[in-house]
Amino acid sequence: MAASKKGAKWPLKYSQVGLNTDTNLLKLIAMAAMLIDHTGKMLFQSNAMRCVGRLAFPIYAYCIAVGCVYSKNHLKYLTRLVSIGLVSQPFYALAMGHTHPSMYAIAFRDNPVGAVFKFYVESWHHPSIMLTLVVGLLLIWSIREKRLALALALMVFTWRAQGSLDYGWKGVALISLFYLFGARWWTALPVVAAFMLWWALLGTGYRLFGLSFGMQVFALLALIPITLHTHSGLKINKWVFYLFYPGHLIGILLIEMAMKTM
């Protein structure tokens, strides 16, 4: 009787991951790819470096999904992501060239507080990847906890705001797919690979076997470390990964400023 009252287990609340759980190694790979991508864009204008950088987002998307499975406190996990996103945003706008004239609408010498506030608020014209990761985390959490109304609201928000989200709705969808199918590698790999291949086919610039692809095709290579079961044994404080994001943006910004004065 007790079992019948409890009911069937919610099938989308996983307790295991069928792909690589060596997330410290995966995050190091993603960090290196992201650094290569951003320096390639801002300092060297190198398409080759940007192609390497395509590996970063799928790995981060996968790590978000893994974190949703194994994290003991989803609120703390979300709080850390939101905090880093809030801190990083103005540095992201400056370092990656996503400034907007309205950011400088108030002169600092006339109203320092107002100028800083205006600068920060207007920097959100082009949010960083952290917003995409936060939305993806919230969507997974709402699905996991059967908050289906919230899940639907997040889907609508993602669709309506895709012009502002880095990687748009496809980025949030990739995070969700890693969670929904990640319990078994034989379901995760074909589903995610098919979605990423379709994503790549939407772009142009590269051709293979008569098909046209965008740069996003190189993101498929991220599935290699995601699929392989590595056992690096790396023990790295989680704040190293979180602080790397604003840290590398500040570093790029300082180098850019130094190069302009030379």
Protein backbone atom coordinates (compact mmCIF):
# COMPACT_ATOMS: atom_id res chain seq x y z
CA MET A 1 0.00 0.00 0.00
CA ALA A 2 2.79 2.39 0.87
CA ALA A 3 4.40 1.83 -2.49
CA SER A 4 1.18 2.59 -4.36
CA LYS A 5 0.69 5.84 -2.44
CA LYS A 6 4.22 6.92 -3.24
CA GLY A 7 3.56 6.49 -6.93
CA ALA A 8 5.97 6.08 -9.83
CA LYS A 9 9.34 7.77 -9.65
CA TRP A 10 9.67 10.94 -11.74
CA PRO A 11 11.70 9.65 -14.72
CA LEU A 12 13.57 12.93 -15.26
CA LYS A 13 15.19 13.08 -11.82
CA TYR A 14 18.45 11.27 -12.50
CA SER A 15 20.96 10.10 -9.92
CA GLN A 16 23.75 9.09 -12.28
CA VAL A 17 25.59 10.19 -15.42
CA GLY A 18 26.55 7.77 -18.18
CA LEU A 19 29.22 9.98 -19.74
CA ASN A 20 32.51 11.32 -18.38
CA THR A 21 32.29 12.46 -14.75
CA ASP A 22 35.89 13.74 -14.60
CA THR A 23 34.53 17.29 -14.61
CA ASN A 24 37.67 18.95 -13.23
CA LEU A 25 39.61 17.83 -16.31
CA LEU A 26 36.73 18.80 -18.58
CA LYS A 27 36.54 22.27 -17.05
CA LEU A 28 40.28 22.77 -17.57
CA ILE A 29 39.84 21.89 -21.24
CA ALA A 30 36.90 24.29 -21.50
CA MET A 31 38.84 27.07 -19.79
CA ALA A 32 41.77 26.65 -22.17
CA ALA A 33 39.45 26.60 -25.20
CA MET A 34 37.60 29.70 -23.99
CA LEU A 35 40.85 31.58 -23.40
CA ILE A 36 42.08 30.65 -26.89
CA ASP A 37 38.73 31.70 -28.35
CA HIS A 38 38.58 35.09 -26.66
CA THR A 39 42.22 35.99 -27.25
CA GLY A 40 41.86 34.83 -30.85
CA LYS A 41 38.91 37.15 -31.31
CA MET A 42 40.13 40.25 -29.50
CA LEU A 43 43.94 40.14 -29.71
CA PHE A 44 44.86 38.14 -32.82
CA GLN A 45 41.72 38.16 -35.01
CA SER A 46 42.39 34.47 -35.66
CA ASN A 47 39.64 32.23 -37.05
CA ALA A 48 41.74 29.15 -36.25
CA MET A 49 41.80 30.09 -32.56
CA ARG A 50 38.07 30.75 -32.64
CA CYS A 51 37.50 27.27 -34.08
CA VAL A 52 39.38 25.79 -31.11
CA GLY A 53 37.17 27.91 -28.87
CA ARG A 54 34.04 26.13 -30.13
CA LEU A 55 34.89 23.28 -27.74
CA ALA A 56 34.28 25.44 -24.66
CA PHE A 57 30.51 25.88 -24.59
CA PRO A 58 29.47 22.24 -25.10
CA ILE A 59 31.77 21.22 -22.25
CA TYR A 60 30.42 23.91 -19.94
CA ALA A 61 26.88 22.94 -20.96
CA TYR A 62 27.62 19.32 -20.09
CA CYS A 63 29.19 20.28 -16.75
CA ILE A 64 26.05 22.25 -15.84
CA ALA A 65 23.98 19.13 -16.50
CA VAL A 66 26.34 16.98 -14.42
CA GLY A 67 26.21 19.55 -11.63
CA CYS A 68 22.41 19.35 -11.62
CA VAL A 69 22.63 15.59 -11.11
CA TYR A 70 25.23 15.55 -8.35
CA SER A 71 24.90 18.92 -6.63
CA LYS A 72 23.54 18.60 -3.10
CA ASN A 73 22.40 22.22 -2.92
CA HIS A 74 21.00 23.62 -6.14
CA LEU A 75 20.39 27.04 -4.60
CA LYS A 76 24.07 27.46 -3.74
CA TYR A 77 25.02 26.24 -7.20
CA LEU A 78 22.68 28.77 -8.79
CA THR A 79 23.87 31.55 -6.46
CA ARG A 80 27.49 30.99 -7.47
CA LEU A 81 26.65 31.16 -11.18
CA VAL A 82 24.52 34.28 -10.76
CA SER A 83 27.19 35.99 -8.64
CA ILE A 84 29.94 35.36 -11.19
CA GLY A 85 27.63 36.53 -13.96
CA LEU A 86 26.82 39.77 -12.16
CA VAL A 87 30.47 40.50 -11.39
CA SER A 88 31.72 39.57 -14.85
CA GLN A 89 29.20 41.42 -17.00
CA PRO A 90 30.88 44.87 -17.32
CA PHE A 91 34.29 43.24 -17.88
CA TYR A 92 32.74 41.02 -20.54
CA ALA A 93 31.22 43.99 -22.34
CA LEU A 94 34.52 45.85 -22.34
CA ALA A 95 36.90 42.97 -23.04
CA MET A 96 34.82 41.45 -25.84
CA GLY A 97 33.92 44.71 -27.55
CA HIS A 98 30.21 44.61 -26.70
CA THR A 99 30.01 48.21 -25.55
CA HIS A 100 26.96 50.37 -26.23
CA PRO A 101 26.86 54.20 -26.55
CA SER A 102 24.33 54.37 -23.72
CA MET A 103 26.97 52.97 -21.36
CA TYR A 104 28.74 56.32 -21.55
CA ALA A 105 25.63 58.52 -21.42
CA ILE A 106 26.64 60.02 -18.04
CA ALA A 107 30.06 61.61 -17.65
CA PHE A 108 32.03 60.15 -14.77
CA ARG A 109 33.46 63.53 -13.75
CA ASP A 110 29.95 65.01 -13.44
CA ASN A 111 28.27 62.14 -11.59
CA PRO A 112 30.60 59.26 -10.65
CA VAL A 113 27.92 57.12 -8.96
CA GLY A 114 25.36 57.67 -11.70
CA ALA A 115 27.95 57.03 -14.39
CA VAL A 116 29.04 53.71 -12.86
CA PHE A 117 25.43 52.61 -12.36
CA LYS A 118 24.48 53.59 -15.93
CA PHE A 119 27.57 51.88 -17.32
CA TYR A 120 26.77 48.65 -15.49
CA VAL A 121 23.06 48.54 -16.35
CA GLU A 122 23.62 49.32 -20.02
CA SER A 123 26.37 46.67 -20.26
CA TRP A 124 23.52 44.13 -20.21
CA HIS A 125 22.60 44.98 -23.80
CA HIS A 126 24.74 41.96 -24.63
CA PRO A 127 24.77 39.51 -21.69
CA SER A 128 27.66 37.12 -21.22
CA ILE A 129 27.45 33.35 -21.52
CA MET A 130 26.74 33.20 -17.79
CA LEU A 131 23.10 34.19 -18.41
CA THR A 132 22.68 31.26 -20.81
CA LEU A 133 24.17 28.88 -18.24
CA VAL A 134 21.91 30.24 -15.50
CA VAL A 135 18.78 29.84 -17.65
CA GLY A 136 19.86 26.32 -18.56
CA LEU A 137 20.40 25.45 -14.91
CA LEU A 138 16.99 26.84 -13.94
CA LEU A 139 15.29 24.92 -16.73
CA ILE A 140 16.89 21.64 -15.66
CA TRP A 141 16.00 22.30 -12.03
CA SER A 142 12.37 23.04 -12.92
CA ILE A 143 12.14 19.81 -14.95
CA ARG A 144 13.88 17.79 -12.25
CA GLU A 145 11.57 19.07 -9.53
CA LYS A 146 8.42 18.80 -11.68
CA ARG A 147 7.89 22.58 -11.71
CA LEU A 148 6.44 22.31 -15.19
CA ALA A 149 4.80 25.74 -15.23
CA LEU A 150 8.19 27.29 -14.44
CA ALA A 151 9.81 25.13 -17.11
CA LEU A 152 7.31 26.36 -19.69
CA ALA A 153 7.85 29.97 -18.62
CA LEU A 154 11.61 29.55 -18.99
CA MET A 155 11.17 28.05 -22.45
CA VAL A 156 9.03 31.01 -23.51
CA PHE A 157 11.59 33.44 -22.04
CA THR A 158 14.43 31.67 -23.84
CA TRP A 159 12.59 31.88 -27.15
CA ARG A 160 11.65 35.52 -26.74
CA ALA A 161 15.10 36.55 -25.46
CA GLN A 162 17.19 34.44 -27.81
CA GLY A 163 18.48 37.54 -29.57
CA SER A 164 20.12 38.60 -26.30
CA LEU A 165 21.24 35.19 -25.02
CA ASP A 166 24.70 34.03 -26.04
CA TYR A 167 24.07 30.97 -28.28
CA GLY A 168 20.33 31.72 -28.07
CA TRP A 169 17.74 29.03 -27.43
CA LYS A 170 20.03 26.42 -28.97
CA GLY A 171 22.53 26.93 -26.15
CA VAL A 172 19.86 26.37 -23.50
CA ALA A 173 18.55 23.38 -25.43
CA LEU A 174 22.01 21.80 -25.52
CA ILE A 175 22.32 22.10 -21.73
CA SER A 176 18.90 20.47 -21.35
CA LEU A 177 19.67 17.64 -23.77
CA PHE A 178 22.81 16.73 -21.84
CA TYR A 179 20.66 16.38 -18.75
CA LEU A 180 17.64 14.66 -20.31
CA PHE A 181 19.70 12.01 -22.13
CA GLY A 182 22.94 11.97 -20.12
CA ALA A 183 22.08 9.03 -17.89
CA ARG A 184 23.08 6.64 -20.70
CA TRP A 185 25.83 7.29 -23.20
CA TRP A 186 24.08 5.35 -25.98
CA THR A 187 21.17 7.77 -25.88
CA ALA A 188 23.12 10.94 -25.08
CA LEU A 189 25.74 10.65 -27.81
CA PRO A 190 23.47 10.23 -30.88
CA VAL A 191 20.88 12.76 -29.69
CA VAL A 192 23.38 15.47 -28.74
CA ALA A 193 25.57 14.83 -31.79
CA ALA A 194 22.56 15.07 -34.11
CA PHE A 195 21.46 18.34 -32.50
CA MET A 196 24.96 19.84 -32.71
CA LEU A 197 25.34 18.73 -36.33
CA TRP A 198 22.00 20.33 -37.22
CA TRP A 199 23.18 23.49 -35.44
CA ALA A 200 26.38 23.49 -37.49
CA LEU A 201 24.43 23.05 -40.73
CA LEU A 202 22.63 26.33 -40.06
CA GLY A 203 25.88 28.22 -40.61
CA THR A 204 28.19 28.79 -43.56
CA GLY A 205 31.88 29.20 -44.20
CA TYR A 206 33.03 25.57 -44.37
CA ARG A 207 32.22 22.82 -46.85
CA LEU A 208 32.54 19.05 -46.61
CA PHE A 209 31.04 16.40 -48.90
CA GLY A 210 29.02 19.09 -50.63
CA LEU A 211 27.46 20.33 -47.38
CA SER A 212 27.91 23.83 -45.97
CA PHE A 213 28.73 24.23 -42.27
CA GLY A 214 29.29 27.06 -39.85
CA MET A 215 32.15 27.33 -37.38
CA GLN A 216 29.93 25.56 -34.86
CA VAL A 217 30.83 22.26 -36.56
CA PHE A 218 34.07 22.24 -34.56
CA ALA A 219 32.02 22.08 -31.36
CA LEU A 220 31.36 18.41 -32.17
CA LEU A 221 34.95 17.66 -31.17
CA ALA A 222 33.96 18.47 -27.57
CA LEU A 223 32.02 15.20 -27.52
CA ILE A 224 35.31 13.28 -27.45
CA PRO A 225 36.40 14.33 -23.93
CA ILE A 226 32.76 14.38 -22.81
CA THR A 227 32.27 10.76 -23.88
CA LEU A 228 35.61 9.27 -22.81
CA HIS A 229 35.76 8.08 -19.21
CA THR A 230 38.96 9.70 -17.97
CA HIS A 231 40.27 9.32 -14.44
CA SER A 232 42.68 12.22 -13.99
CA GLY A 233 42.17 12.45 -10.23
CA LEU A 234 42.48 16.24 -10.42
CA LYS A 235 41.44 18.03 -7.23
CA ILE A 236 40.87 21.73 -7.89
CA ASN A 237 38.93 24.17 -5.73
CA LYS A 238 35.65 25.06 -7.43
CA TRP A 239 36.34 28.78 -7.03
CA VAL A 240 39.32 28.47 -9.40
CA PHE A 241 36.86 27.63 -12.17
CA TYR A 242 34.38 30.32 -11.19
CA LEU A 243 36.93 33.12 -10.80
CA PHE A 244 38.71 32.22 -14.02
CA TYR A 245 35.86 33.69 -16.03
CA PRO A 246 36.07 37.30 -14.80
CA GLY A 247 39.83 36.90 -14.34
CA HIS A 248 40.57 36.04 -17.97
CA LEU A 249 38.30 38.86 -19.16
CA ILE A 250 40.18 41.38 -17.02
CA GLY A 251 43.46 40.00 -18.35
CA ILE A 252 42.35 40.40 -21.97
CA LEU A 253 41.07 43.91 -21.23
CA LEU A 254 44.40 44.95 -19.68
CA ILE A 255 46.36 43.54 -22.62
CA GLU A 256 44.07 45.37 -25.06
CA MET A 257 44.62 48.63 -23.20
CA ALA A 258 48.38 48.10 -23.16
CA MET A 259 48.46 47.38 -26.88
CA LYS A 260 46.57 50.60 -27.64
CA THR A 261 49.13 52.66 -25.75
CA MET A 262 52.12 51.15 -27.56
